[in-house]
């Protein structure tokens, strides 16, 4: 429970200081510009009450600075362009009040593997230059709140394992180039204004486990090509009222699927009997759709099924025992 401000002499009276880790204390005030006078590699000050800006002088640490972790503070200014040095590996500034656009200079942090800009007051779109971060593994860009389209260059982030862009104001279509992201396990695009059809190329995301795209304006049909997603466990795409067509029979091969949510959409036709092949399915949401016909008897044999919502659809017949 350390209080007060960071003393400047902490950084000016030693040439040996490499790491500052003072997370989850009660530090306040601004970050001193003198921080750049020490050969810092790690700055970890999350969970305090720091205000002001990230010093632009940190850009002088162009060969040593590897981690900047200052999330959950009260920092409020534009992200300094100077801080995106080539040695930077992790940059986490979530839960602050940073404003302005994501600097295009982010492209110079070519060693970056972890990026978190969540819960800030950013504006503008995701710069296309982000596609040059070819070793980036995790990107949290949710609730930033960002606008504009998703740059196709993000398809060049072939080392990416997790991409979260939920709760923004993104528009346009989901890039077909995402099909190149074969290491991504979680793709979170919900609560935006994305439109257009679901790319068939997403079926090439061979590591994908979770795909969230609910609360958007997606149109078109469900791609049968997604049958190739052998590891998929969650497809959550409800509240896309323009999503239409039938549930592909080919999806019966998604043997790892646990949650399938297509509720509040224009999905129509019969429930395919092949859905009975989804033996790991726990939750099935087809409520407020145009799904019709009888409930397949195969659903009654799905021992893992815990939730089946079909209210306000057009189902007929009897409930399977």
C-alpha atoms as a PDB file:
ATOM      1  CA  UNK A   1       0.000   0.000   0.000  1.00  0.00           C
ATOM      2  CA  UNK A   2       2.696   2.426  -1.029  1.00  0.00           C
ATOM      3  CA  UNK A   3       1.438   5.999  -1.382  1.00  0.00           C
ATOM      4  CA  UNK A   4       2.777   9.291  -2.745  1.00  0.00           C
ATOM      5  CA  UNK A   5       4.491  10.018  -6.025  1.00  0.00           C
ATOM      6  CA  UNK A   6       7.396   8.427  -7.819  1.00  0.00           C
ATOM      7  CA  UNK A   7      10.575  10.273  -6.732  1.00  0.00           C
ATOM      8  CA  UNK A   8      12.753  11.498  -9.582  1.00  0.00           C
ATOM      9  CA  UNK A   9      15.995  10.519  -7.836  1.00  0.00           C
ATOM     10  CA  UNK A  10      14.904   6.889  -8.047  1.00  0.00           C
ATOM     11  CA  UNK A  11      15.831   7.090 -11.707  1.00  0.00           C
ATOM     12  CA  UNK A  12      18.659   9.638 -11.699  1.00  0.00           C
ATOM     13  CA  UNK A  13      20.965   8.333  -8.966  1.00  0.00           C
ATOM     14  CA  UNK A  14      21.600   4.854 -10.286  1.00  0.00           C
ATOM     15  CA  UNK A  15      22.776   3.359 -13.537  1.00  0.00           C
ATOM     16  CA  UNK A  16      21.711  -0.146 -12.572  1.00  0.00           C
ATOM     17  CA  UNK A  17      17.906   0.153 -12.357  1.00  0.00           C
ATOM     18  CA  UNK A  18      16.318  -2.146 -14.924  1.00  0.00           C
ATOM     19  CA  UNK A  19      12.905  -2.990 -13.493  1.00  0.00           C
ATOM     20  CA  UNK A  20      10.227  -0.952 -11.736  1.00  0.00           C
ATOM     21  CA  UNK A  21       7.358  -3.130 -10.475  1.00  0.00           C
ATOM     22  CA  UNK A  22       5.001  -1.297  -8.143  1.00  0.00           C
ATOM     23  CA  UNK A  23       1.638  -2.673  -9.213  1.00  0.00           C
ATOM     24  CA  UNK A  24      -1.489  -2.464  -7.051  1.00  0.00           C
ATOM     25  CA  UNK A  25      -0.428   0.308  -4.716  1.00  0.00           C
ATOM     26  CA  UNK A  26      -1.742   3.828  -4.121  1.00  0.00           C
ATOM     27  CA  UNK A  27       0.767   5.824  -6.118  1.00  0.00           C
ATOM     28  CA  UNK A  28      -0.488   9.086  -7.573  1.00  0.00           C
ATOM     29  CA  UNK A  29       0.757  11.989  -9.650  1.00  0.00           C
ATOM     30  CA  UNK A  30       2.425  11.847 -13.025  1.00  0.00           C
ATOM     31  CA  UNK A  31       5.224   9.677 -14.311  1.00  0.00           C
ATOM     32  CA  UNK A  32       8.494  11.645 -14.087  1.00  0.00           C
ATOM     33  CA  UNK A  33      10.317  12.359 -17.324  1.00  0.00           C
ATOM     34  CA  UNK A  34      13.505  11.374 -15.496  1.00  0.00           C
ATOM     35  CA  UNK A  35      12.471   7.742 -15.913  1.00  0.00           C
ATOM     36  CA  UNK A  36      14.284   7.849 -19.231  1.00  0.00           C
ATOM     37  CA  UNK A  37      17.603   8.476 -17.444  1.00  0.00           C
ATOM     38  CA  UNK A  38      17.693   4.915 -16.107  1.00  0.00           C
ATOM     39  CA  UNK A  39      18.255   1.976 -18.463  1.00  0.00           C
ATOM     40  CA  UNK A  40      14.776   0.619 -17.774  1.00  0.00           C
ATOM     41  CA  UNK A  41      13.613  -2.610 -19.349  1.00  0.00           C
ATOM     42  CA  UNK A  42      10.340  -3.140 -17.471  1.00  0.00           C
ATOM     43  CA  UNK A  43       7.878  -0.512 -16.249  1.00  0.00           C
ATOM     44  CA  UNK A  44       5.025  -2.157 -14.371  1.00  0.00           C
ATOM     45  CA  UNK A  45       2.798   0.284 -12.467  1.00  0.00           C
ATOM     46  CA  UNK A  46      -0.693  -1.109 -12.981  1.00  0.00           C
ATOM     47  CA  UNK A  47      -3.454  -0.673 -10.420  1.00  0.00           C
ATOM     48  CA  UNK A  48      -2.491   2.724  -9.026  1.00  0.00           C
ATOM     49  CA  UNK A  49      -3.874   6.263  -9.268  1.00  0.00           C
ATOM     50  CA  UNK A  50      -1.346   7.732 -11.686  1.00  0.00           C
ATOM     51  CA  UNK A  51      -2.422  10.687 -13.812  1.00  0.00           C
ATOM     52  CA  UNK A  52      -1.059  12.677 -16.728  1.00  0.00           C
ATOM     53  CA  UNK A  53       0.709  11.116 -19.682  1.00  0.00           C
ATOM     54  CA  UNK A  54       3.288   8.547 -20.566  1.00  0.00           C
ATOM     55  CA  UNK A  55       6.492  10.603 -20.912  1.00  0.00           C
ATOM     56  CA  UNK A  56       7.609  10.974 -24.498  1.00  0.00           C
ATOM     57  CA  UNK A  57      11.152  10.715 -23.159  1.00  0.00           C
ATOM     58  CA  UNK A  58      10.617   6.971 -22.746  1.00  0.00           C
ATOM     59  CA  UNK A  59      11.315   6.808 -26.457  1.00  0.00           C
ATOM     60  CA  UNK A  60      14.985   7.376 -25.558  1.00  0.00           C
ATOM     61  CA  UNK A  61      15.041   3.834 -24.166  1.00  0.00           C
ATOM     62  CA  UNK A  62      14.993   2.522 -27.702  1.00  0.00           C
ATOM     63  CA  UNK A  63      17.278  -0.441 -27.082  1.00  0.00           C
ATOM     64  CA  UNK A  64      16.271  -1.504 -23.573  1.00  0.00           C
ATOM     65  CA  UNK A  65      12.545  -0.922 -22.961  1.00  0.00           C
ATOM     66  CA  UNK A  66      10.651  -4.204 -23.362  1.00  0.00           C
ATOM     67  CA  UNK A  67       7.509  -3.950 -21.195  1.00  0.00           C
ATOM     68  CA  UNK A  68       5.196  -1.036 -20.391  1.00  0.00           C
ATOM     69  CA  UNK A  69       2.304  -2.135 -18.166  1.00  0.00           C
ATOM     70  CA  UNK A  70       0.292   0.720 -16.696  1.00  0.00           C
ATOM     71  CA  UNK A  71      -3.284  -0.539 -16.947  1.00  0.00           C
ATOM     72  CA  UNK A  72      -5.919   0.464 -14.389  1.00  0.00           C
ATOM     73  CA  UNK A  73      -4.719   3.984 -13.671  1.00  0.00           C
ATOM     74  CA  UNK A  74      -6.071   7.450 -14.494  1.00  0.00           C
ATOM     75  CA  UNK A  75      -3.693   8.335 -17.305  1.00  0.00           C
ATOM     76  CA  UNK A  76      -5.296  10.671 -19.825  1.00  0.00           C
ATOM     77  CA  UNK A  77      -3.637  11.953 -22.992  1.00  0.00           C
ATOM     78  CA  UNK A  78      -2.783  10.796 -26.488  1.00  0.00           C
ATOM     79  CA  UNK A  79      -0.546   7.757 -26.830  1.00  0.00           C
ATOM     80  CA  UNK A  80       2.970   9.129 -27.401  1.00  0.00           C
ATOM     81  CA  UNK A  81       4.354   8.088 -30.757  1.00  0.00           C
ATOM     82  CA  UNK A  82       7.857   7.943 -29.315  1.00  0.00           C
ATOM     83  CA  UNK A  83       7.085   5.015 -27.008  1.00  0.00           C
ATOM     84  CA  UNK A  84       6.736   2.482 -29.809  1.00  0.00           C
ATOM     85  CA  UNK A  85      10.381   1.458 -29.881  1.00  0.00           C
ATOM     86  CA  UNK A  86      11.730  -1.629 -31.614  1.00  0.00           C
ATOM     87  CA  UNK A  87      12.588  -3.391 -28.330  1.00  0.00           C
ATOM     88  CA  UNK A  88       9.018  -3.214 -26.955  1.00  0.00           C
ATOM     89  CA  UNK A  89       7.545  -6.673 -26.304  1.00  0.00           C
ATOM     90  CA  UNK A  90       4.450  -5.886 -24.213  1.00  0.00           C
ATOM     91  CA  UNK A  91       2.346  -2.720 -24.114  1.00  0.00           C
ATOM     92  CA  UNK A  92      -0.646  -2.721 -21.768  1.00  0.00           C
ATOM     93  CA  UNK A  93      -2.484   0.546 -21.059  1.00  0.00           C
ATOM     94  CA  UNK A  94      -6.048  -0.731 -20.653  1.00  0.00           C
ATOM     95  CA  UNK A  95      -8.546   0.852 -18.242  1.00  0.00           C
ATOM     96  CA  UNK A  96      -7.230   4.401 -18.488  1.00  0.00           C
ATOM     97  CA  UNK A  97      -8.471   7.428 -20.411  1.00  0.00           C
ATOM     98  CA  UNK A  98      -6.052   7.613 -23.322  1.00  0.00           C
ATOM     99  CA  UNK A  99      -7.492   9.529 -26.267  1.00  0.00           C
ATOM    100  CA  UNK A 100      -6.785  10.236 -29.904  1.00  0.00           C
ATOM    101  CA  UNK A 101      -5.879   7.706 -32.559  1.00  0.00           C
ATOM    102  CA  UNK A 102      -3.637   4.662 -32.358  1.00  0.00           C
ATOM    103  CA  UNK A 103      -0.354   6.059 -33.722  1.00  0.00           C
ATOM    104  CA  UNK A 104       0.811   4.646 -37.031  1.00  0.00           C
ATOM    105  CA  UNK A 105       4.248   4.520 -35.386  1.00  0.00           C
ATOM    106  CA  UNK A 106       3.096   1.344 -33.657  1.00  0.00           C
ATOM    107  CA  UNK A 107       4.520  -0.398 -36.725  1.00  0.00           C
ATOM    108  CA  UNK A 108       8.055   0.203 -35.405  1.00  0.00           C
ATOM    109  CA  UNK A 109       7.498  -2.051 -32.374  1.00  0.00           C
ATOM    110  CA  UNK A 110       8.270  -5.117 -34.427  1.00  0.00           C
ATOM    111  CA  UNK A 111       9.041  -7.217 -31.326  1.00  0.00           C
ATOM    112  CA  UNK A 112       5.578  -6.642 -29.835  1.00  0.00           C
ATOM    113  CA  UNK A 113       3.820  -9.841 -28.769  1.00  0.00           C
ATOM    114  CA  UNK A 114       1.174  -8.425 -26.369  1.00  0.00           C
ATOM    115  CA  UNK A 115      -0.982  -5.340 -26.959  1.00  0.00           C
ATOM    116  CA  UNK A 116      -3.850  -4.161 -24.756  1.00  0.00           C
ATOM    117  CA  UNK A 117      -5.679  -0.867 -25.374  1.00  0.00           C
ATOM    118  CA  UNK A 118      -8.970  -1.961 -23.807  1.00  0.00           C
ATOM    119  CA  UNK A 119     -11.286   0.500 -22.023  1.00  0.00           C
ATOM    120  CA  UNK A 120      -9.906   3.849 -23.095  1.00  0.00           C
ATOM    121  CA  UNK A 121     -11.254   6.850 -24.999  1.00  0.00           C
ATOM    122  CA  UNK A 122      -9.448   6.311 -28.276  1.00  0.00           C
ATOM    123  CA  UNK A 123     -10.892   7.498 -31.574  1.00  0.00           C
ATOM    124  CA  UNK A 124     -10.364   6.811 -35.231  1.00  0.00           C
ATOM    125  CA  UNK A 125      -9.732   3.482 -36.881  1.00  0.00           C
ATOM    126  CA  UNK A 126      -7.206   0.713 -36.444  1.00  0.00           C
ATOM    127  CA  UNK A 127      -4.189   1.752 -38.552  1.00  0.00           C
ATOM    128  CA  UNK A 128      -3.295  -0.550 -41.405  1.00  0.00           C
ATOM    129  CA  UNK A 129       0.312  -0.378 -40.183  1.00  0.00           C
ATOM    130  CA  UNK A 130      -0.625  -2.773 -37.385  1.00  0.00           C
ATOM    131  CA  UNK A 131      -0.209  -5.523 -39.958  1.00  0.00           C
ATOM    132  CA  UNK A 132       3.575  -5.111 -39.624  1.00  0.00           C
ATOM    133  CA  UNK A 133       3.539  -6.530 -36.085  1.00  0.00           C
ATOM    134  CA  UNK A 134       4.220 -10.013 -37.388  1.00  0.00           C
ATOM    135  CA  UNK A 135       5.109 -11.565 -34.010  1.00  0.00           C
ATOM    136  CA  UNK A 136       2.043 -10.197 -32.184  1.00  0.00           C
ATOM    137  CA  UNK A 137       0.268 -12.994 -30.297  1.00  0.00           C
ATOM    138  CA  UNK A 138      -2.469 -11.288 -28.294  1.00  0.00           C
ATOM    139  CA  UNK A 139      -4.313  -8.078 -29.191  1.00  0.00           C
ATOM    140  CA  UNK A 140      -6.983  -6.627 -26.924  1.00  0.00           C
ATOM    141  CA  UNK A 141      -8.616  -3.717 -28.746  1.00  0.00           C
ATOM    142  CA  UNK A 142     -12.074  -3.953 -27.196  1.00  0.00           C
ATOM    143  CA  UNK A 143     -14.101  -1.069 -25.764  1.00  0.00           C
ATOM    144  CA  UNK A 144     -11.461   1.407 -26.919  1.00  0.00           C
ATOM    145  CA  UNK A 145     -13.796   2.642 -28.602  1.00  0.00           C
ATOM    146  CA  UNK A 146     -12.521   2.362 -32.176  1.00  0.00           C
ATOM    147  CA  UNK A 147     -14.398   3.125 -35.390  1.00  0.00           C
ATOM    148  CA  UNK A 148     -13.958   2.550 -39.117  1.00  0.00           C
ATOM    149  CA  UNK A 149     -13.301  -0.728 -40.862  1.00  0.00           C
ATOM    150  CA  UNK A 150     -11.054  -3.610 -39.871  1.00  0.00           C
ATOM    151  CA  UNK A 151      -7.897  -3.288 -41.985  1.00  0.00           C
ATOM    152  CA  UNK A 152      -7.277  -6.217 -44.285  1.00  0.00           C
ATOM    153  CA  UNK A 153      -3.614  -6.000 -43.279  1.00  0.00           C
ATOM    154  CA  UNK A 154      -4.537  -7.677 -39.998  1.00  0.00           C
ATOM    155  CA  UNK A 155      -4.577 -10.874 -42.021  1.00  0.00           C
ATOM    156  CA  UNK A 156      -0.770 -10.592 -42.002  1.00  0.00           C
ATOM    157  CA  UNK A 157      -0.613 -11.140 -38.222  1.00  0.00           C
ATOM    158  CA  UNK A 158       0.081 -14.824 -38.690  1.00  0.00           C
ATOM    159  CA  UNK A 159       1.466 -15.314 -35.151  1.00  0.00           C
ATOM    160  CA  UNK A 160      -1.759 -14.017 -33.601  1.00  0.00           C
ATOM    161  CA  UNK A 161      -3.482 -16.313 -31.094  1.00  0.00           C
ATOM    162  CA  UNK A 162      -6.181 -14.025 -29.701  1.00  0.00           C
ATOM    163  CA  UNK A 163      -7.931 -11.002 -31.211  1.00  0.00           C
ATOM    164  CA  UNK A 164     -10.562  -9.092 -29.270  1.00  0.00           C
ATOM    165  CA  UNK A 165     -12.265  -6.084 -30.902  1.00  0.00           C
ATOM    166  CA  UNK A 166     -15.624  -6.248 -29.148  1.00  0.00           C
ATOM    167  CA  UNK A 167     -17.645  -3.255 -27.930  1.00  0.00           C
ATOM    168  CA  UNK A 168     -16.412  -0.789 -30.551  1.00  0.00           C
ATOM    169  CA  UNK A 169     -18.050   1.055 -33.431  1.00  0.00           C
ATOM    170  CA  UNK A 170     -16.470  -0.945 -36.228  1.00  0.00           C
ATOM    171  CA  UNK A 171     -18.220  -1.002 -39.590  1.00  0.00           C
ATOM    172  CA  UNK A 172     -17.786  -2.824 -42.874  1.00  0.00           C
ATOM    173  CA  UNK A 173     -17.254  -6.518 -43.391  1.00  0.00           C
ATOM    174  CA  UNK A 174     -15.102  -9.084 -41.635  1.00  0.00           C
ATOM    175  CA  UNK A 175     -11.955  -9.356 -43.788  1.00  0.00           C
ATOM    176  CA  UNK A 176     -11.640 -12.586 -45.716  1.00  0.00           C
ATOM    177  CA  UNK A 177      -7.900 -12.244 -44.998  1.00  0.00           C
ATOM    178  CA  UNK A 178      -8.628 -13.484 -41.482  1.00  0.00           C
ATOM    179  CA  UNK A 179      -8.492 -16.916 -43.051  1.00  0.00           C
ATOM    180  CA  UNK A 180      -4.695 -16.612 -42.901  1.00  0.00           C
ATOM    181  CA  UNK A 181      -4.788 -16.390 -39.091  1.00  0.00           C
ATOM    182  CA  UNK A 182      -4.335 -20.094 -38.553  1.00  0.00           C
ATOM    183  CA  UNK A 183      -3.002 -19.700 -34.984  1.00  0.00           C
ATOM    184  CA  UNK A 184      -5.949 -17.713 -33.635  1.00  0.00           C
ATOM    185  CA  UNK A 185      -7.936 -19.613 -31.021  1.00  0.00           C
ATOM    186  CA  UNK A 186     -10.330 -16.810 -30.024  1.00  0.00           C
ATOM    187  CA  UNK A 187     -11.856 -14.197 -32.350  1.00  0.00           C
ATOM    188  CA  UNK A 188     -14.118 -11.687 -30.596  1.00  0.00           C
ATOM    189  CA  UNK A 189     -15.955  -9.196 -32.823  1.00  0.00           C
ATOM    190  CA  UNK A 190     -19.283  -8.844 -31.018  1.00  0.00           C
ATOM    191  CA  UNK A 191     -21.084  -5.587 -30.199  1.00  0.00           C
ATOM    192  CA  UNK A 192     -20.079  -3.632 -33.299  1.00  0.00           C
ATOM    193  CA  UNK A 193     -21.788  -2.526 -36.505  1.00  0.00           C
ATOM    194  CA  UNK A 194     -20.145  -5.006 -38.851  1.00  0.00           C
ATOM    195  CA  UNK A 195     -22.138  -5.945 -41.930  1.00  0.00           C
ATOM    196  CA  UNK A 196     -21.755  -7.979 -45.075  1.00  0.00           C
ATOM    197  CA  UNK A 197     -21.542 -11.746 -45.343  1.00  0.00           C
ATOM    198  CA  UNK A 198     -19.551 -14.113 -43.188  1.00  0.00           C
ATOM    199  CA  UNK A 199     -16.348 -14.998 -45.086  1.00  0.00           C
ATOM    200  CA  UNK A 200     -16.058 -18.610 -46.150  1.00  0.00           C
ATOM    201  CA  UNK A 201     -12.301 -18.214 -45.630  1.00  0.00           C
ATOM    202  CA  UNK A 202     -12.774 -18.289 -41.861  1.00  0.00           C
ATOM    203  CA  UNK A 203     -13.063 -22.035 -42.305  1.00  0.00           C
ATOM    204  CA  UNK A 204      -9.278 -21.995 -42.802  1.00  0.00           C
ATOM    205  CA  UNK A 205      -8.678 -20.756 -39.237  1.00  0.00           C
ATOM    206  CA  UNK A 206      -7.676 -24.235 -38.185  1.00  0.00           C
ATOM    207  CA  UNK A 207      -6.935 -23.380 -34.519  1.00  0.00           C
ATOM    208  CA  UNK A 208     -10.140 -21.450 -33.891  1.00  0.00           C
ATOM    209  CA  UNK A 209     -11.963 -22.447 -30.708  1.00  0.00           C
ATOM    210  CA  UNK A 210     -14.234 -19.460 -30.020  1.00  0.00           C
ATOM    211  CA  UNK A 211     -15.858 -17.069 -32.499  1.00  0.00           C
ATOM    212  CA  UNK A 212     -18.093 -14.307 -31.177  1.00  0.00           C
ATOM    213  CA  UNK A 213     -19.883 -12.039 -33.669  1.00  0.00           C
ATOM    214  CA  UNK A 214     -23.238 -11.416 -31.979  1.00  0.00           C
ATOM    215  CA  UNK A 215     -24.863  -7.980 -31.909  1.00  0.00           C
ATOM    216  CA  UNK A 216     -23.745  -6.845 -35.365  1.00  0.00           C
ATOM    217  CA  UNK A 217     -25.442  -6.336 -38.717  1.00  0.00           C
ATOM    218  CA  UNK A 218     -24.170  -9.438 -40.492  1.00  0.00           C
ATOM    219  CA  UNK A 219     -26.158 -10.567 -43.526  1.00  0.00           C
ATOM    220  CA  UNK A 220     -26.025 -13.532 -45.870  1.00  0.00           C
ATOM    221  CA  UNK A 221     -25.893 -17.194 -44.973  1.00  0.00           C
ATOM    222  CA  UNK A 222     -23.867 -19.501 -42.741  1.00  0.00           C
ATOM    223  CA  UNK A 223     -20.872 -20.841 -44.713  1.00  0.00           C
ATOM    224  CA  UNK A 224     -20.836 -24.594 -45.089  1.00  0.00           C
ATOM    225  CA  UNK A 225     -17.054 -24.295 -45.472  1.00  0.00           C
ATOM    226  CA  UNK A 226     -16.772 -23.773 -41.735  1.00  0.00           C
ATOM    227  CA  UNK A 227     -17.102 -27.539 -41.394  1.00  0.00           C
ATOM    228  CA  UNK A 228     -13.286 -27.519 -41.508  1.00  0.00           C
ATOM    229  CA  UNK A 229     -13.156 -25.901 -38.046  1.00  0.00           C
ATOM    230  CA  UNK A 230     -12.320 -29.133 -36.257  1.00  0.00           C
ATOM    231  CA  UNK A 231     -11.461 -27.428 -32.947  1.00  0.00           C
ATOM    232  CA  UNK A 232     -14.369 -24.990 -32.756  1.00  0.00           C
ATOM    233  CA  UNK A 233     -16.218 -25.014 -29.416  1.00  0.00           C
ATOM    234  CA  UNK A 234     -18.202 -21.781 -29.496  1.00  0.00           C
ATOM    235  CA  UNK A 235     -20.048 -20.064 -32.347  1.00  0.00           C
ATOM    236  CA  UNK A 236     -21.993 -17.155 -30.897  1.00  0.00           C
ATOM    237  CA  UNK A 237     -23.696 -15.118 -33.600  1.00  0.00           C
ATOM    238  CA  UNK A 238     -27.078 -14.157 -32.227  1.00  0.00           C
ATOM    239  CA  UNK A 239     -28.715 -10.771 -32.709  1.00  0.00           C
ATOM    240  CA  UNK A 240     -27.765 -10.442 -36.372  1.00  0.00           C
ATOM    241  CA  UNK A 241     -31.241  -9.927 -37.761  1.00  0.00           C
ATOM    242  CA  UNK A 242     -30.041 -10.032 -41.376  1.00  0.00           C
ATOM    243  CA  UNK A 243     -28.415 -13.442 -41.023  1.00  0.00           C
ATOM    244  CA  UNK A 244     -30.490 -15.862 -43.092  1.00  0.00           C
ATOM    245  CA  UNK A 245     -30.521 -19.220 -44.797  1.00  0.00           C
ATOM    246  CA  UNK A 246     -30.378 -22.653 -43.213  1.00  0.00           C
ATOM    247  CA  UNK A 247     -28.052 -24.318 -40.757  1.00  0.00           C
ATOM    248  CA  UNK A 248     -25.547 -26.192 -42.955  1.00  0.00           C
ATOM    249  CA  UNK A 249     -25.790 -29.946 -42.644  1.00  0.00           C
ATOM    250  CA  UNK A 250     -21.994 -29.996 -42.954  1.00  0.00           C
ATOM    251  CA  UNK A 251     -21.725 -28.453 -39.491  1.00  0.00           C
ATOM    252  CA  UNK A 252     -22.532 -31.859 -38.063  1.00  0.00           C
ATOM    253  CA  UNK A 253     -18.794 -32.579 -38.255  1.00  0.00           C
ATOM    254  CA  UNK A 254     -17.995 -29.910 -35.630  1.00  0.00           C
ATOM    255  CA  UNK A 255     -17.622 -32.564 -32.980  1.00  0.00           C
ATOM    256  CA  UNK A 256     -16.099 -30.244 -30.356  1.00  0.00           C
ATOM    257  CA  UNK A 257     -18.889 -27.662 -30.516  1.00  0.00           C
ATOM    258  CA  UNK A 258     -20.239 -26.738 -27.066  1.00  0.00           C
ATOM    259  CA  UNK A 259     -22.270 -23.575 -27.761  1.00  0.00           C
ATOM    260  CA  UNK A 260     -24.181 -22.678 -30.938  1.00  0.00           C
ATOM    261  CA  UNK A 261     -26.096 -19.398 -30.713  1.00  0.00           C
ATOM    262  CA  UNK A 262     -28.010 -18.194 -33.789  1.00  0.00           C
ATOM    263  CA  UNK A 263     -30.922 -16.642 -31.904  1.00  0.00           C
ATOM    264  CA  UNK A 264     -32.667 -13.424 -32.976  1.00  0.00           C
ATOM    265  CA  UNK A 265     -31.825 -13.801 -36.664  1.00  0.00           C
ATOM    266  CA  UNK A 266     -33.556 -14.734 -39.913  1.00  0.00           C
ATOM    267  CA  UNK A 267     -32.185 -18.284 -39.939  1.00  0.00           C
ATOM    268  CA  UNK A 268     -34.825 -20.556 -41.474  1.00  0.00           C
ATOM    269  CA  UNK A 269     -35.607 -24.085 -42.544  1.00  0.00           C
ATOM    270  CA  UNK A 270     -35.553 -27.316 -40.605  1.00  0.00           C
ATOM    271  CA  UNK A 271     -33.105 -28.168 -37.852  1.00  0.00           C
ATOM    272  CA  UNK A 272     -30.814 -30.639 -39.654  1.00  0.00           C
ATOM    273  CA  UNK A 273     -30.763 -34.136 -38.223  1.00  0.00           C
ATOM    274  CA  UNK A 274     -26.966 -33.940 -38.415  1.00  0.00           C
ATOM    275  CA  UNK A 275     -27.079 -31.705 -35.348  1.00  0.00           C
ATOM    276  CA  UNK A 276     -27.420 -34.917 -33.384  1.00  0.00           C
ATOM    277  CA  UNK A 277     -23.770 -35.618 -34.256  1.00  0.00           C
ATOM    278  CA  UNK A 278     -22.716 -32.715 -32.018  1.00  0.00           C
ATOM    279  CA  UNK A 279     -22.385 -34.943 -28.985  1.00  0.00           C
ATOM    280  CA  UNK A 280     -20.546 -32.299 -26.925  1.00  0.00           C
ATOM    281  CA  UNK A 281     -23.132 -29.565 -27.479  1.00  0.00           C
ATOM    282  CA  UNK A 282     -24.291 -27.986 -24.201  1.00  0.00           C
ATOM    283  CA  UNK A 283     -26.243 -24.963 -25.423  1.00  0.00           C
ATOM    284  CA  UNK A 284     -28.334 -24.431 -28.575  1.00  0.00           C
ATOM    285  CA  UNK A 285     -30.048 -21.105 -29.199  1.00  0.00           C
ATOM    286  CA  UNK A 286     -32.506 -20.851 -32.108  1.00  0.00           C
ATOM    287  CA  UNK A 287     -35.002 -18.526 -30.426  1.00  0.00           C
ATOM    288  CA  UNK A 288     -36.664 -15.713 -32.382  1.00  0.00           C
ATOM    289  CA  UNK A 289     -35.722 -17.198 -35.750  1.00  0.00           C
ATOM    290  CA  UNK A 290     -37.685 -18.634 -38.685  1.00  0.00           C
ATOM    291  CA  UNK A 291     -36.574 -22.183 -37.919  1.00  0.00           C
ATOM    292  CA  UNK A 292     -39.506 -24.461 -38.717  1.00  0.00           C
ATOM    293  CA  UNK A 293     -40.570 -28.074 -38.919  1.00  0.00           C
ATOM    294  CA  UNK A 294     -40.319 -30.751 -36.276  1.00  0.00           C
ATOM    295  CA  UNK A 295     -37.584 -30.988 -33.673  1.00  0.00           C
ATOM    296  CA  UNK A 296     -35.369 -33.878 -34.798  1.00  0.00           C
ATOM    297  CA  UNK A 297     -35.507 -36.913 -32.550  1.00  0.00           C
ATOM    298  CA  UNK A 298     -31.708 -36.863 -32.556  1.00  0.00           C
ATOM    299  CA  UNK A 299     -31.795 -33.851 -30.212  1.00  0.00           C
ATOM    300  CA  UNK A 300     -33.394 -36.047 -27.585  1.00  0.00           C
ATOM    301  CA  UNK A 301     -30.330 -38.282 -27.722  1.00  0.00           C
ATOM    302  CA  UNK A 302     -27.824 -35.465 -27.059  1.00  0.00           C
ATOM    303  CA  UNK A 303     -26.851 -36.347 -23.505  1.00  0.00           C
ATOM    304  CA  UNK A 304     -24.673 -33.269 -22.974  1.00  0.00           C
ATOM    305  CA  UNK A 305     -27.344 -30.764 -24.054  1.00  0.00           C
ATOM    306  CA  UNK A 306     -28.304 -28.521 -21.138  1.00  0.00           C
ATOM    307  CA  UNK A 307     -30.018 -25.566 -22.847  1.00  0.00           C
ATOM    308  CA  UNK A 308     -32.228 -25.551 -25.950  1.00  0.00           C
ATOM    309  CA  UNK A 309     -34.031 -22.318 -26.696  1.00  0.00           C
ATOM    310  CA  UNK A 310     -36.495 -22.384 -29.549  1.00  0.00           C
ATOM    311  CA  UNK A 311     -39.156 -19.946 -28.411  1.00  0.00           C
ATOM    312  CA  UNK A 312     -40.711 -17.593 -30.952  1.00  0.00           C
ATOM    313  CA  UNK A 313     -39.632 -19.802 -33.835  1.00  0.00           C
ATOM    314  CA  UNK A 314     -41.915 -21.879 -36.092  1.00  0.00           C
ATOM    315  CA  UNK A 315     -41.318 -25.351 -34.683  1.00  0.00           C
ATOM    316  CA  UNK A 316     -44.068 -27.976 -34.888  1.00  0.00           C
ATOM    317  CA  UNK A 317     -44.684 -31.520 -33.789  1.00  0.00           C
ATOM    318  CA  UNK A 318     -43.753 -33.088 -30.480  1.00  0.00           C
ATOM    319  CA  UNK A 319     -40.847 -32.627 -28.095  1.00  0.00           C
ATOM    320  CA  UNK A 320     -38.387 -35.519 -28.382  1.00  0.00           C
ATOM    321  CA  UNK A 321     -38.129 -37.682 -25.277  1.00  0.00           C
END
